């Protein structure tokens, strides 16, 4: 993928497949080359692994990285007050997920989202 968004040049890639006939893998990412001289390049990518067992239990692990993110929550206020237009303030997130088909019409899902930079987390059931 390549293009121009809001005056910035963007190149990106994505992939999806399976390793060893049991581990799903997928990823996507892009690099932004800003139009403004005082801004640096920005890299964002995500990488995920998944396995579905025969009993319908699925496990997922995902990692999200954004180069423009902050490395600690002490920087969040400065990022919010600046012209930072990203929706994600931290630099690194990890997500663990599990889902199970209880019945054909009822699916149980749990996702734990962890911020690697300030150790905050969110659990969704």
PDB file of N, CA and C in Angstrom:
ATOM      1  N   UNK A   1       0.846  -1.149   0.000  1.00  0.00           N
ATOM      2  CA  UNK A   1       0.000   0.000   0.000  1.00  0.00           C
ATOM      3  C   UNK A   1       0.901   1.225   0.000  1.00  0.00           C
ATOM      4  N   UNK A   2       0.518   2.213  -0.752  1.00  0.00           N
ATOM      5  CA  UNK A   2       1.238   3.480  -0.775  1.00  0.00           C
ATOM      6  C   UNK A   2       0.259   4.573  -1.158  1.00  0.00           C
ATOM      7  N   UNK A   3       0.467   5.748  -0.589  1.00  0.00           N
ATOM      8  CA  UNK A   3      -0.425   6.849  -0.921  1.00  0.00           C
ATOM      9  C   UNK A   3      -0.066   8.113  -0.173  1.00  0.00           C
ATOM     10  N   UNK A   4      -0.973   9.072  -0.239  1.00  0.00           N
ATOM     11  CA  UNK A   4      -0.791  10.360   0.404  1.00  0.00           C
ATOM     12  C   UNK A   4      -2.055  10.661   1.200  1.00  0.00           C
ATOM     13  N   UNK A   5      -1.896  10.988   2.496  1.00  0.00           N
ATOM     14  CA  UNK A   5      -3.017  11.310   3.374  1.00  0.00           C
ATOM     15  C   UNK A   5      -2.696  12.616   4.081  1.00  0.00           C
ATOM     16  N   UNK A   6      -3.554  13.613   3.954  1.00  0.00           N
ATOM     17  CA  UNK A   6      -3.350  14.929   4.573  1.00  0.00           C
ATOM     18  C   UNK A   6      -1.963  15.500   4.290  1.00  0.00           C
ATOM     19  N   UNK A   7      -1.469  15.300   3.098  1.00  0.00           N
ATOM     20  CA  UNK A   7      -0.161  15.818   2.720  1.00  0.00           C
ATOM     21  C   UNK A   7       1.005  14.954   3.142  1.00  0.00           C
ATOM     22  N   UNK A   8       0.762  13.861   3.850  1.00  0.00           N
ATOM     23  CA  UNK A   8       1.827  12.962   4.307  1.00  0.00           C
ATOM     24  C   UNK A   8       1.905  11.746   3.397  1.00  0.00           C
ATOM     25  N   UNK A   9       3.122  11.341   3.052  1.00  0.00           N
ATOM     26  CA  UNK A   9       3.309  10.112   2.287  1.00  0.00           C
ATOM     27  C   UNK A   9       3.212   8.924   3.238  1.00  0.00           C
ATOM     28  N   UNK A  10       2.508   7.875   2.813  1.00  0.00           N
ATOM     29  CA  UNK A  10       2.286   6.677   3.633  1.00  0.00           C
ATOM     30  C   UNK A  10       2.660   5.446   2.809  1.00  0.00           C
ATOM     31  N   UNK A  11       3.413   4.526   3.447  1.00  0.00           N
ATOM     32  CA  UNK A  11       3.612   3.208   2.841  1.00  0.00           C
ATOM     33  C   UNK A  11       3.247   2.171   3.904  1.00  0.00           C
ATOM     34  N   UNK A  12       2.668   1.067   3.486  1.00  0.00           N
ATOM     35  CA  UNK A  12       2.238   0.066   4.457  1.00  0.00           C
ATOM     36  C   UNK A  12       2.253  -1.329   3.886  1.00  0.00           C
ATOM     37  N   UNK A  13       2.038  -2.272   4.787  1.00  0.00           N
ATOM     38  CA  UNK A  13       2.039  -3.687   4.420  1.00  0.00           C
ATOM     39  C   UNK A  13       1.097  -4.431   5.361  1.00  0.00           C
ATOM     40  N   UNK A  14       0.533  -5.520   4.880  1.00  0.00           N
ATOM     41  CA  UNK A  14      -0.226  -6.412   5.763  1.00  0.00           C
ATOM     42  C   UNK A  14      -0.043  -7.844   5.276  1.00  0.00           C
ATOM     43  N   UNK A  15      -0.241  -8.772   6.189  1.00  0.00           N
ATOM     44  CA  UNK A  15      -0.127 -10.186   5.845  1.00  0.00           C
ATOM     45  C   UNK A  15      -1.001 -10.991   6.780  1.00  0.00           C
ATOM     46  N   UNK A  16      -1.330 -12.186   6.334  1.00  0.00           N
ATOM     47  CA  UNK A  16      -2.149 -13.100   7.129  1.00  0.00           C
ATOM     48  C   UNK A  16      -1.865 -14.510   6.637  1.00  0.00           C
ATOM     49  N   UNK A  17      -1.757 -15.436   7.568  1.00  0.00           N
ATOM     50  CA  UNK A  17      -1.502 -16.807   7.172  1.00  0.00           C
ATOM     51  C   UNK A  17      -1.504 -17.744   8.358  1.00  0.00           C
ATOM     52  N   UNK A  18      -0.920 -18.910   8.152  1.00  0.00           N
ATOM     53  CA  UNK A  18      -0.896 -19.931   9.194  1.00  0.00           C
ATOM     54  C   UNK A  18       0.474 -20.591   9.207  1.00  0.00           C
ATOM     55  N   UNK A  19       0.984 -20.823  10.412  1.00  0.00           N
ATOM     56  CA  UNK A  19       2.261 -21.506  10.579  1.00  0.00           C
ATOM     57  C   UNK A  19       2.025 -22.893  11.153  1.00  0.00           C
ATOM     58  N   UNK A  20       2.695 -23.880  10.599  1.00  0.00           N
ATOM     59  CA  UNK A  20       2.663 -25.252  11.115  1.00  0.00           C
ATOM     60  C   UNK A  20       1.252 -25.832  11.173  1.00  0.00           C
ATOM     61  N   UNK A  21       0.336 -25.330  10.382  1.00  0.00           N
ATOM     62  CA  UNK A  21      -1.052 -25.802  10.308  1.00  0.00           C
ATOM     63  C   UNK A  21      -1.825 -25.699  11.622  1.00  0.00           C
ATOM     64  N   UNK A  22      -1.382 -24.844  12.551  1.00  0.00           N
ATOM     65  CA  UNK A  22      -2.148 -24.689  13.790  1.00  0.00           C
ATOM     66  C   UNK A  22      -2.047 -23.304  14.408  1.00  0.00           C
ATOM     67  N   UNK A  23      -1.162 -22.451  13.940  1.00  0.00           N
ATOM     68  CA  UNK A  23      -0.989 -21.124  14.525  1.00  0.00           C
ATOM     69  C   UNK A  23      -1.289 -20.059  13.474  1.00  0.00           C
ATOM     70  N   UNK A  24      -2.396 -19.338  13.680  1.00  0.00           N
ATOM     71  CA  UNK A  24      -2.722 -18.234  12.792  1.00  0.00           C
ATOM     72  C   UNK A  24      -1.855 -17.036  13.117  1.00  0.00           C
ATOM     73  N   UNK A  25      -1.392 -16.354  12.096  1.00  0.00           N
ATOM     74  CA  UNK A  25      -0.556 -15.170  12.290  1.00  0.00           C
ATOM     75  C   UNK A  25      -1.040 -14.082  11.333  1.00  0.00           C
ATOM     76  N   UNK A  26      -1.052 -12.856  11.825  1.00  0.00           N
ATOM     77  CA  UNK A  26      -1.448 -11.730  10.983  1.00  0.00           C
ATOM     78  C   UNK A  26      -0.713 -10.485  11.461  1.00  0.00           C
ATOM     79  N   UNK A  27      -0.553  -9.568  10.575  1.00  0.00           N
ATOM     80  CA  UNK A  27       0.110  -8.324  10.934  1.00  0.00           C
ATOM     81  C   UNK A  27      -0.192  -7.247   9.923  1.00  0.00           C
ATOM     82  N   UNK A  28      -0.037  -6.032  10.362  1.00  0.00           N
ATOM     83  CA  UNK A  28      -0.184  -4.902   9.469  1.00  0.00           C
ATOM     84  C   UNK A  28       0.584  -3.733  10.054  1.00  0.00           C
ATOM     85  N   UNK A  29       0.987  -2.843   9.207  1.00  0.00           N
ATOM     86  CA  UNK A  29       1.706  -1.679   9.685  1.00  0.00           C
ATOM     87  C   UNK A  29       1.896  -0.666   8.581  1.00  0.00           C
ATOM     88  N   UNK A  30       2.279   0.530   8.994  1.00  0.00           N
ATOM     89  CA  UNK A  30       2.571   1.556   8.005  1.00  0.00           C
ATOM     90  C   UNK A  30       3.604   2.539   8.553  1.00  0.00           C
ATOM     91  N   UNK A  31       4.224   3.232   7.647  1.00  0.00           N
ATOM     92  CA  UNK A  31       5.163   4.286   7.993  1.00  0.00           C
ATOM     93  C   UNK A  31       4.669   5.570   7.336  1.00  0.00           C
ATOM     94  N   UNK A  32       4.649   6.638   8.124  1.00  0.00           N
ATOM     95  CA  UNK A  32       4.193   7.940   7.636  1.00  0.00           C
ATOM     96  C   UNK A  32       5.399   8.857   7.529  1.00  0.00           C
ATOM     97  N   UNK A  33       5.529   9.489   6.391  1.00  0.00           N
ATOM     98  CA  UNK A  33       6.581  10.478   6.152  1.00  0.00           C
ATOM     99  C   UNK A  33       5.913  11.847   6.140  1.00  0.00           C
ATOM    100  N   UNK A  34       6.015  12.609   7.232  1.00  0.00           N
ATOM    101  CA  UNK A  34       5.279  13.864   7.327  1.00  0.00           C
ATOM    102  C   UNK A  34       5.741  14.902   6.314  1.00  0.00           C
ATOM    103  N   UNK A  35       4.791  15.726   5.942  1.00  0.00           N
ATOM    104  CA  UNK A  35       5.044  16.814   5.006  1.00  0.00           C
ATOM    105  C   UNK A  35       5.812  17.952   5.688  1.00  0.00           C
ATOM    106  N   UNK A  36       5.603  18.138   6.984  1.00  0.00           N
ATOM    107  CA  UNK A  36       6.255  19.203   7.729  1.00  0.00           C
ATOM    108  C   UNK A  36       7.699  18.823   8.040  1.00  0.00           C
ATOM    109  N   UNK A  37       8.596  19.778   7.965  1.00  0.00           N
ATOM    110  CA  UNK A  37      10.021  19.532   8.173  1.00  0.00           C
ATOM    111  C   UNK A  37      10.332  19.187   9.624  1.00  0.00           C
ATOM    112  N   UNK A  38       9.621  19.784  10.584  1.00  0.00           N
ATOM    113  CA  UNK A  38       9.943  19.597  12.001  1.00  0.00           C
ATOM    114  C   UNK A  38       9.372  18.308  12.596  1.00  0.00           C
ATOM    115  N   UNK A  39       8.658  17.510  11.832  1.00  0.00           N
ATOM    116  CA  UNK A  39       8.099  16.255  12.337  1.00  0.00           C
ATOM    117  C   UNK A  39       8.927  15.069  11.852  1.00  0.00           C
ATOM    118  N   UNK A  40       8.995  14.044  12.681  1.00  0.00           N
ATOM    119  CA  UNK A  40       9.757  12.851  12.295  1.00  0.00           C
ATOM    120  C   UNK A  40       8.822  11.780  11.742  1.00  0.00           C
ATOM    121  N   UNK A  41       9.410  10.753  11.151  1.00  0.00           N
ATOM    122  CA  UNK A  41       8.618   9.640  10.631  1.00  0.00           C
ATOM    123  C   UNK A  41       7.864   8.952  11.756  1.00  0.00           C
ATOM    124  N   UNK A  42       6.752   8.375  11.416  1.00  0.00           N
ATOM    125  CA  UNK A  42       5.908   7.692  12.385  1.00  0.00           C
ATOM    126  C   UNK A  42       5.659   6.273  11.899  1.00  0.00           C
ATOM    127  N   UNK A  43       5.928   5.290  12.773  1.00  0.00           N
ATOM    128  CA  UNK A  43       5.724   3.883  12.438  1.00  0.00           C
ATOM    129  C   UNK A  43       4.655   3.320  13.367  1.00  0.00           C
ATOM    130  N   UNK A  44       3.708   2.595  12.800  1.00  0.00           N
ATOM    131  CA  UNK A  44       2.697   1.881  13.576  1.00  0.00           C
ATOM    132  C   UNK A  44       2.599   0.476  13.013  1.00  0.00           C
ATOM    133  N   UNK A  45       2.508  -0.521  13.906  1.00  0.00           N
ATOM    134  CA  UNK A  45       2.292  -1.883  13.428  1.00  0.00           C
ATOM    135  C   UNK A  45       1.616  -2.711  14.512  1.00  0.00           C
ATOM    136  N   UNK A  46       0.972  -3.755  14.074  1.00  0.00           N
ATOM    137  CA  UNK A  46       0.378  -4.726  14.979  1.00  0.00           C
ATOM    138  C   UNK A  46       0.727  -6.121  14.474  1.00  0.00           C
ATOM    139  N   UNK A  47       0.932  -7.023  15.419  1.00  0.00           N
ATOM    140  CA  UNK A  47       1.266  -8.408  15.107  1.00  0.00           C
ATOM    141  C   UNK A  47       0.432  -9.301  16.014  1.00  0.00           C
ATOM    142  N   UNK A  48      -0.237 -10.283  15.438  1.00  0.00           N
ATOM    143  CA  UNK A  48      -1.112 -11.140  16.227  1.00  0.00           C
ATOM    144  C   UNK A  48      -0.943 -12.614  15.914  1.00  0.00           C
ATOM    145  N   UNK A  49      -1.171 -13.420  16.953  1.00  0.00           N
ATOM    146  CA  UNK A  49      -1.129 -14.881  16.840  1.00  0.00           C
ATOM    147  C   UNK A  49      -2.428 -15.433  17.414  1.00  0.00           C
ATOM    148  N   UNK A  50      -2.929 -16.514  16.810  1.00  0.00           N
ATOM    149  CA  UNK A  50      -4.199 -17.081  17.257  1.00  0.00           C
ATOM    150  C   UNK A  50      -4.207 -18.581  17.018  1.00  0.00           C
ATOM    151  N   UNK A  51      -4.868 -19.286  17.937  1.00  0.00           N
ATOM    152  CA  UNK A  51      -5.071 -20.724  17.754  1.00  0.00           C
ATOM    153  C   UNK A  51      -6.495 -21.077  18.170  1.00  0.00           C
ATOM    154  N   UNK A  52      -7.162 -21.847  17.327  1.00  0.00           N
ATOM    155  CA  UNK A  52      -8.513 -22.323  17.636  1.00  0.00           C
ATOM    156  C   UNK A  52      -8.449 -23.831  17.830  1.00  0.00           C
ATOM    157  N   UNK A  53      -8.868 -24.273  19.005  1.00  0.00           N
ATOM    158  CA  UNK A  53      -8.878 -25.692  19.328  1.00  0.00           C
ATOM    159  C   UNK A  53     -10.141 -26.344  18.779  1.00  0.00           C
ATOM    160  N   UNK A  54     -10.143 -27.662  18.701  1.00  0.00           N
ATOM    161  CA  UNK A  54     -11.300 -28.383  18.162  1.00  0.00           C
ATOM    162  C   UNK A  54     -12.549 -28.199  19.011  1.00  0.00           C
ATOM    163  N   UNK A  55     -12.387 -27.904  20.298  1.00  0.00           N
ATOM    164  CA  UNK A  55     -13.560 -27.709  21.165  1.00  0.00           C
ATOM    165  C   UNK A  55     -14.105 -26.278  21.092  1.00  0.00           C
ATOM    166  N   UNK A  56     -13.708 -25.489  20.092  1.00  0.00           N
ATOM    167  CA  UNK A  56     -14.127 -24.110  19.785  1.00  0.00           C
ATOM    168  C   UNK A  56     -13.466 -23.053  20.668  1.00  0.00           C
ATOM    169  N   UNK A  57     -12.588 -23.437  21.571  1.00  0.00           N
ATOM    170  CA  UNK A  57     -11.840 -22.465  22.363  1.00  0.00           C
ATOM    171  C   UNK A  57     -10.787 -21.808  21.463  1.00  0.00           C
ATOM    172  N   UNK A  58     -10.717 -20.485  21.489  1.00  0.00           N
ATOM    173  CA  UNK A  58      -9.721 -19.740  20.714  1.00  0.00           C
ATOM    174  C   UNK A  58      -8.903 -18.870  21.645  1.00  0.00           C
ATOM    175  N   UNK A  59      -7.600 -18.828  21.422  1.00  0.00           N
ATOM    176  CA  UNK A  59      -6.697 -17.971  22.184  1.00  0.00           C
ATOM    177  C   UNK A  59      -5.998 -17.020  21.216  1.00  0.00           C
ATOM    178  N   UNK A  60      -5.857 -15.744  21.623  1.00  0.00           N
ATOM    179  CA  UNK A  60      -5.217 -14.742  20.786  1.00  0.00           C
ATOM    180  C   UNK A  60      -4.211 -13.935  21.594  1.00  0.00           C
ATOM    181  N   UNK A  61      -3.141 -13.532  20.951  1.00  0.00           N
ATOM    182  CA  UNK A  61      -2.155 -12.626  21.518  1.00  0.00           C
ATOM    183  C   UNK A  61      -1.833 -11.596  20.449  1.00  0.00           C
ATOM    184  N   UNK A  62      -1.945 -10.315  20.791  1.00  0.00           N
ATOM    185  CA  UNK A  62      -1.688  -9.245  19.832  1.00  0.00           C
ATOM    186  C   UNK A  62      -0.776  -8.205  20.460  1.00  0.00           C
ATOM    187  N   UNK A  63       0.084  -7.636  19.652  1.00  0.00           N
ATOM    188  CA  UNK A  63       0.965  -6.551  20.088  1.00  0.00           C
ATOM    189  C   UNK A  63       0.770  -5.372  19.139  1.00  0.00           C
ATOM    190  N   UNK A  64       0.583  -4.180  19.710  1.00  0.00           N
ATOM    191  CA  UNK A  64       0.430  -2.958  18.925  1.00  0.00           C
ATOM    192  C   UNK A  64       1.531  -1.989  19.327  1.00  0.00           C
ATOM    193  N   UNK A  65       2.224  -1.430  18.345  1.00  0.00           N
ATOM    194  CA  UNK A  65       3.300  -0.474  18.586  1.00  0.00           C
ATOM    195  C   UNK A  65       3.053   0.766  17.738  1.00  0.00           C
ATOM    196  N   UNK A  66       3.239   1.920  18.349  1.00  0.00           N
ATOM    197  CA  UNK A  66       3.188   3.159  17.584  1.00  0.00           C
ATOM    198  C   UNK A  66       4.357   4.038  17.996  1.00  0.00           C
ATOM    199  N   UNK A  67       5.190   4.345  17.060  1.00  0.00           N
ATOM    200  CA  UNK A  67       6.397   5.105  17.321  1.00  0.00           C
ATOM    201  C   UNK A  67       6.158   6.491  17.873  1.00  0.00           C
ATOM    202  N   UNK A  68       5.028   7.107  17.554  1.00  0.00           N
ATOM    203  CA  UNK A  68       4.749   8.466  18.024  1.00  0.00           C
ATOM    204  C   UNK A  68       4.176   8.485  19.440  1.00  0.00           C
ATOM    205  N   UNK A  69       3.952   7.325  20.037  1.00  0.00           N
ATOM    206  CA  UNK A  69       3.364   7.268  21.373  1.00  0.00           C
ATOM    207  C   UNK A  69       4.330   7.670  22.462  1.00  0.00           C
ATOM    208  N   UNK A  70       3.776   7.929  23.629  1.00  0.00           N
ATOM    209  CA  UNK A  70       4.568   8.331  24.789  1.00  0.00           C
ATOM    210  C   UNK A  70       5.024   7.083  25.545  1.00  0.00           C
ATOM    211  N   UNK A  71       6.155   7.179  26.226  1.00  0.00           N
ATOM    212  CA  UNK A  71       6.697   6.032  26.931  1.00  0.00           C
ATOM    213  C   UNK A  71       6.324   5.996  28.410  1.00  0.00           C
ATOM    214  N   UNK A  72       5.591   6.972  28.887  1.00  0.00           N
ATOM    215  CA  UNK A  72       5.163   6.986  30.284  1.00  0.00           C
ATOM    216  C   UNK A  72       3.999   7.943  30.466  1.00  0.00           C
ATOM    217  N   UNK A  73       3.165   7.695  31.479  1.00  0.00           N
ATOM    218  CA  UNK A  73       1.965   8.514  31.631  1.00  0.00           C
ATOM    219  C   UNK A  73       2.278   9.955  32.023  1.00  0.00           C
ATOM    220  N   UNK A  74       3.482  10.249  32.474  1.00  0.00           N
ATOM    221  CA  UNK A  74       3.861  11.626  32.776  1.00  0.00           C
ATOM    222  C   UNK A  74       3.893  12.469  31.496  1.00  0.00           C
ATOM    223  N   UNK A  75       3.999  11.829  30.334  1.00  0.00           N
ATOM    224  CA  UNK A  75       4.014  12.545  29.063  1.00  0.00           C
ATOM    225  C   UNK A  75       2.615  12.710  28.460  1.00  0.00           C
ATOM    226  N   UNK A  76       1.605  12.067  29.023  1.00  0.00           N
ATOM    227  CA  UNK A  76       0.276  12.081  28.414  1.00  0.00           C
ATOM    228  C   UNK A  76      -0.311  13.491  28.352  1.00  0.00           C
ATOM    229  N   UNK A  77      -0.219  14.240  29.452  1.00  0.00           N
ATOM    230  CA  UNK A  77      -0.799  15.579  29.455  1.00  0.00           C
ATOM    231  C   UNK A  77      -0.139  16.464  28.409  1.00  0.00           C
ATOM    232  N   UNK A  78       1.165  16.384  28.275  1.00  0.00           N
ATOM    233  CA  UNK A  78       1.861  17.177  27.266  1.00  0.00           C
ATOM    234  C   UNK A  78       1.418  16.766  25.865  1.00  0.00           C
ATOM    235  N   UNK A  79       1.213  15.475  25.645  1.00  0.00           N
ATOM    236  CA  UNK A  79       0.776  14.991  24.335  1.00  0.00           C
ATOM    237  C   UNK A  79      -0.637  15.450  24.025  1.00  0.00           C
ATOM    238  N   UNK A  80      -1.508  15.455  25.027  1.00  0.00           N
ATOM    239  CA  UNK A  80      -2.887  15.897  24.816  1.00  0.00           C
ATOM    240  C   UNK A  80      -2.918  17.384  24.496  1.00  0.00           C
ATOM    241  N   UNK A  81      -2.096  18.175  25.195  1.00  0.00           N
ATOM    242  CA  UNK A  81      -2.088  19.620  24.987  1.00  0.00           C
ATOM    243  C   UNK A  81      -1.376  20.019  23.698  1.00  0.00           C
ATOM    244  N   UNK A  82      -0.500  19.162  23.199  1.00  0.00           N
ATOM    245  CA  UNK A  82       0.183  19.474  21.942  1.00  0.00           C
ATOM    246  C   UNK A  82      -0.760  19.164  20.789  1.00  0.00           C
ATOM    247  N   UNK A  83      -0.255  19.242  19.616  1.00  0.00           N
ATOM    248  CA  UNK A  83      -1.081  18.943  18.449  1.00  0.00           C
ATOM    249  C   UNK A  83      -0.972  17.473  18.058  1.00  0.00           C
ATOM    250  N   UNK A  84      -0.790  16.604  19.045  1.00  0.00           N
ATOM    251  CA  UNK A  84      -0.730  15.171  18.810  1.00  0.00           C
ATOM    252  C   UNK A  84      -2.118  14.706  18.375  1.00  0.00           C
ATOM    253  N   UNK A  85      -2.220  14.171  17.179  1.00  0.00           N
ATOM    254  CA  UNK A  85      -3.530  13.775  16.648  1.00  0.00           C
ATOM    255  C   UNK A  85      -3.783  12.278  16.757  1.00  0.00           C
ATOM    256  N   UNK A  86      -2.919  11.553  17.434  1.00  0.00           N
ATOM    257  CA  UNK A  86      -3.114  10.115  17.552  1.00  0.00           C
ATOM    258  C   UNK A  86      -4.208   9.805  18.577  1.00  0.00           C
ATOM    259  N   UNK A  87      -4.905   8.710  18.378  1.00  0.00           N
ATOM    260  CA  UNK A  87      -5.935   8.286  19.318  1.00  0.00           C
ATOM    261  C   UNK A  87      -5.346   7.471  20.466  1.00  0.00           C
ATOM    262  N   UNK A  88      -4.136   6.984  20.295  1.00  0.00           N
ATOM    263  CA  UNK A  88      -3.498   6.127  21.277  1.00  0.00           C
ATOM    264  C   UNK A  88      -2.294   6.860  21.842  1.00  0.00           C
ATOM    265  N   UNK A  89      -2.337   7.231  23.107  1.00  0.00           N
ATOM    266  CA  UNK A  89      -1.238   7.989  23.697  1.00  0.00           C
ATOM    267  C   UNK A  89      -0.004   7.138  23.976  1.00  0.00           C
ATOM    268  N   UNK A  90      -0.105   5.945  24.574  1.00  0.00           N
ATOM    269  CA  UNK A  90       1.094   5.150  24.853  1.00  0.00           C
ATOM    270  C   UNK A  90       1.719   4.565  23.588  1.00  0.00           C
ATOM    271  N   UNK A  91       2.906   4.047  23.747  1.00  0.00           N
ATOM    272  CA  UNK A  91       3.655   3.493  22.622  1.00  0.00           C
ATOM    273  C   UNK A  91       3.386   2.007  22.404  1.00  0.00           C
ATOM    274  N   UNK A  92       3.170   1.223  23.466  1.00  0.00           N
ATOM    275  CA  UNK A  92       3.041  -0.233  23.348  1.00  0.00           C
ATOM    276  C   UNK A  92       1.807  -0.754  24.073  1.00  0.00           C
ATOM    277  N   UNK A  93       1.027  -1.555  23.377  1.00  0.00           N
ATOM    278  CA  UNK A  93      -0.114  -2.254  23.967  1.00  0.00           C
ATOM    279  C   UNK A  93       0.020  -3.745  23.678  1.00  0.00           C
ATOM    280  N   UNK A  94      -0.423  -4.572  24.610  1.00  0.00           N
ATOM    281  CA  UNK A  94      -0.528  -6.008  24.392  1.00  0.00           C
ATOM    282  C   UNK A  94      -1.955  -6.421  24.727  1.00  0.00           C
ATOM    283  N   UNK A  95      -2.521  -7.311  23.935  1.00  0.00           N
ATOM    284  CA  UNK A  95      -3.872  -7.812  24.191  1.00  0.00           C
ATOM    285  C   UNK A  95      -3.844  -9.335  24.203  1.00  0.00           C
ATOM    286  N   UNK A  96      -4.503  -9.899  25.203  1.00  0.00           N
ATOM    287  CA  UNK A  96      -4.716 -11.341  25.291  1.00  0.00           C
ATOM    288  C   UNK A  96      -6.212 -11.577  25.217  1.00  0.00           C
ATOM    289  N   UNK A  97      -6.609 -12.521  24.396  1.00  0.00           N
ATOM    290  CA  UNK A  97      -8.030 -12.782  24.250  1.00  0.00           C
ATOM    291  C   UNK A  97      -8.328 -14.257  24.249  1.00  0.00           C
ATOM    292  N   UNK A  98      -9.509 -14.578  24.730  1.00  0.00           N
ATOM    293  CA  UNK A  98      -9.990 -15.947  24.717  1.00  0.00           C
ATOM    294  C   UNK A  98     -11.485 -15.901  24.395  1.00  0.00           C
ATOM    295  N   UNK A  99     -11.929 -16.815  23.571  1.00  0.00           N
ATOM    296  CA  UNK A  99     -13.371 -16.937  23.346  1.00  0.00           C
ATOM    297  C   UNK A  99     -13.730 -18.410  23.199  1.00  0.00           C
ATOM    298  N   UNK A 100     -14.977 -18.690  23.552  1.00  0.00           N
ATOM    299  CA  UNK A 100     -15.463 -20.063  23.565  1.00  0.00           C
ATOM    300  C   UNK A 100     -16.917 -20.074  23.125  1.00  0.00           C
ATOM    301  N   UNK A 101     -17.238 -20.979  22.230  1.00  0.00           N
ATOM    302  CA  UNK A 101     -18.612 -21.114  21.759  1.00  0.00           C
ATOM    303  C   UNK A 101     -19.388 -21.974  22.754  1.00  0.00           C
ATOM    304  N   UNK A 102     -20.157 -21.302  23.612  1.00  0.00           N
ATOM    305  CA  UNK A 102     -20.940 -22.001  24.638  1.00  0.00           C
ATOM    306  C   UNK A 102     -22.071 -22.789  23.981  1.00  0.00           C
ATOM    307  N   UNK A 103     -22.782 -22.134  23.098  1.00  0.00           N
ATOM    308  CA  UNK A 103     -23.778 -22.770  22.234  1.00  0.00           C
ATOM    309  C   UNK A 103     -23.601 -22.141  20.852  1.00  0.00           C
ATOM    310  N   UNK A 104     -24.238 -22.673  19.815  1.00  0.00           N
ATOM    311  CA  UNK A 104     -24.089 -22.047  18.495  1.00  0.00           C
ATOM    312  C   UNK A 104     -24.540 -20.581  18.448  1.00  0.00           C
ATOM    313  N   UNK A 105     -25.384 -20.163  19.385  1.00  0.00           N
ATOM    314  CA  UNK A 105     -25.856 -18.776  19.408  1.00  0.00           C
ATOM    315  C   UNK A 105     -25.259 -17.939  20.534  1.00  0.00           C
ATOM    316  N   UNK A 106     -24.432 -18.536  21.389  1.00  0.00           N
ATOM    317  CA  UNK A 106     -23.872 -17.815  22.533  1.00  0.00           C
ATOM    318  C   UNK A 106     -22.355 -18.005  22.570  1.00  0.00           C
ATOM    319  N   UNK A 107     -21.649 -16.894  22.473  1.00  0.00           N
ATOM    320  CA  UNK A 107     -20.191 -16.905  22.472  1.00  0.00           C
ATOM    321  C   UNK A 107     -19.684 -16.158  23.691  1.00  0.00           C
ATOM    322  N   UNK A 108     -18.814 -16.785  24.468  1.00  0.00           N
ATOM    323  CA  UNK A 108     -18.183 -16.126  25.605  1.00  0.00           C
ATOM    324  C   UNK A 108     -16.833 -15.555  25.178  1.00  0.00           C
ATOM    325  N   UNK A 109     -16.589 -14.286  25.504  1.00  0.00           N
ATOM    326  CA  UNK A 109     -15.368 -13.606  25.077  1.00  0.00           C
ATOM    327  C   UNK A 109     -14.757 -12.856  26.249  1.00  0.00           C
ATOM    328  N   UNK A 110     -13.444 -12.931  26.395  1.00  0.00           N
ATOM    329  CA  UNK A 110     -12.712 -12.136  27.384  1.00  0.00           C
ATOM    330  C   UNK A 110     -11.474 -11.571  26.695  1.00  0.00           C
ATOM    331  N   UNK A 111     -11.227 -10.277  26.898  1.00  0.00           N
ATOM    332  CA  UNK A 111     -10.045  -9.617  26.334  1.00  0.00           C
ATOM    333  C   UNK A 111      -9.394  -8.794  27.432  1.00  0.00           C
ATOM    334  N   UNK A 112      -8.094  -8.959  27.573  1.00  0.00           N
ATOM    335  CA  UNK A 112      -7.314  -8.164  28.523  1.00  0.00           C
ATOM    336  C   UNK A 112      -6.367  -7.298  27.712  1.00  0.00           C
ATOM    337  N   UNK A 113      -6.518  -5.984  27.821  1.00  0.00           N
ATOM    338  CA  UNK A 113      -5.680  -5.019  27.125  1.00  0.00           C
ATOM    339  C   UNK A 113      -4.725  -4.414  28.136  1.00  0.00           C
ATOM    340  N   UNK A 114      -3.429  -4.506  27.857  1.00  0.00           N
ATOM    341  CA  UNK A 114      -2.401  -4.072  28.786  1.00  0.00           C
ATOM    342  C   UNK A 114      -1.534  -3.003  28.140  1.00  0.00           C
ATOM    343  N   UNK A 115      -1.343  -1.890  28.848  1.00  0.00           N
ATOM    344  CA  UNK A 115      -0.465  -0.817  28.398  1.00  0.00           C
ATOM    345  C   UNK A 115       0.929  -1.115  28.941  1.00  0.00           C
ATOM    346  N   UNK A 116       1.864  -1.465  28.070  1.00  0.00           N
ATOM    347  CA  UNK A 116       3.207  -1.841  28.491  1.00  0.00           C
ATOM    348  C   UNK A 116       4.022  -0.668  29.039  1.00  0.00           C
ATOM    349  N   UNK A 117       3.609   0.556  28.776  1.00  0.00           N
ATOM    350  CA  UNK A 117       4.389   1.718  29.174  1.00  0.00           C
ATOM    351  C   UNK A 117       4.065   2.214  30.571  1.00  0.00           C
ATOM    352  N   UNK A 118       2.816   2.120  31.007  1.00  0.00           N
ATOM    353  CA  UNK A 118       2.487   2.594  32.360  1.00  0.00           C
ATOM    354  C   UNK A 118       1.793   1.528  33.200  1.00  0.00           C
ATOM    355  N   UNK A 119       1.694   0.311  32.706  1.00  0.00           N
ATOM    356  CA  UNK A 119       1.117  -0.840  33.412  1.00  0.00           C
ATOM    357  C   UNK A 119      -0.375  -0.725  33.702  1.00  0.00           C
ATOM    358  N   UNK A 120      -1.069   0.173  33.036  1.00  0.00           N
ATOM    359  CA  UNK A 120      -2.533   0.198  33.178  1.00  0.00           C
ATOM    360  C   UNK A 120      -3.110  -0.915  32.313  1.00  0.00           C
ATOM    361  N   UNK A 121      -4.334  -1.334  32.637  1.00  0.00           N
ATOM    362  CA  UNK A 121      -4.942  -2.416  31.871  1.00  0.00           C
ATOM    363  C   UNK A 121      -6.457  -2.300  31.909  1.00  0.00           C
ATOM    364  N   UNK A 122      -7.082  -3.066  31.031  1.00  0.00           N
ATOM    365  CA  UNK A 122      -8.530  -3.090  30.906  1.00  0.00           C
ATOM    366  C   UNK A 122      -8.938  -4.528  30.609  1.00  0.00           C
ATOM    367  N   UNK A 123      -9.942  -5.006  31.330  1.00  0.00           N
ATOM    368  CA  UNK A 123     -10.488  -6.339  31.096  1.00  0.00           C
ATOM    369  C   UNK A 123     -11.908  -6.201  30.606  1.00  0.00           C
ATOM    370  N   UNK A 124     -12.195  -6.788  29.460  1.00  0.00           N
ATOM    371  CA  UNK A 124     -13.539  -6.755  28.891  1.00  0.00           C
ATOM    372  C   UNK A 124     -14.077  -8.168  28.793  1.00  0.00           C
ATOM    373  N   UNK A 125     -15.288  -8.363  29.316  1.00  0.00           N
ATOM    374  CA  UNK A 125     -15.935  -9.679  29.273  1.00  0.00           C
ATOM    375  C   UNK A 125     -17.211  -9.567  28.462  1.00  0.00           C
TER     376      UNK A 125
END
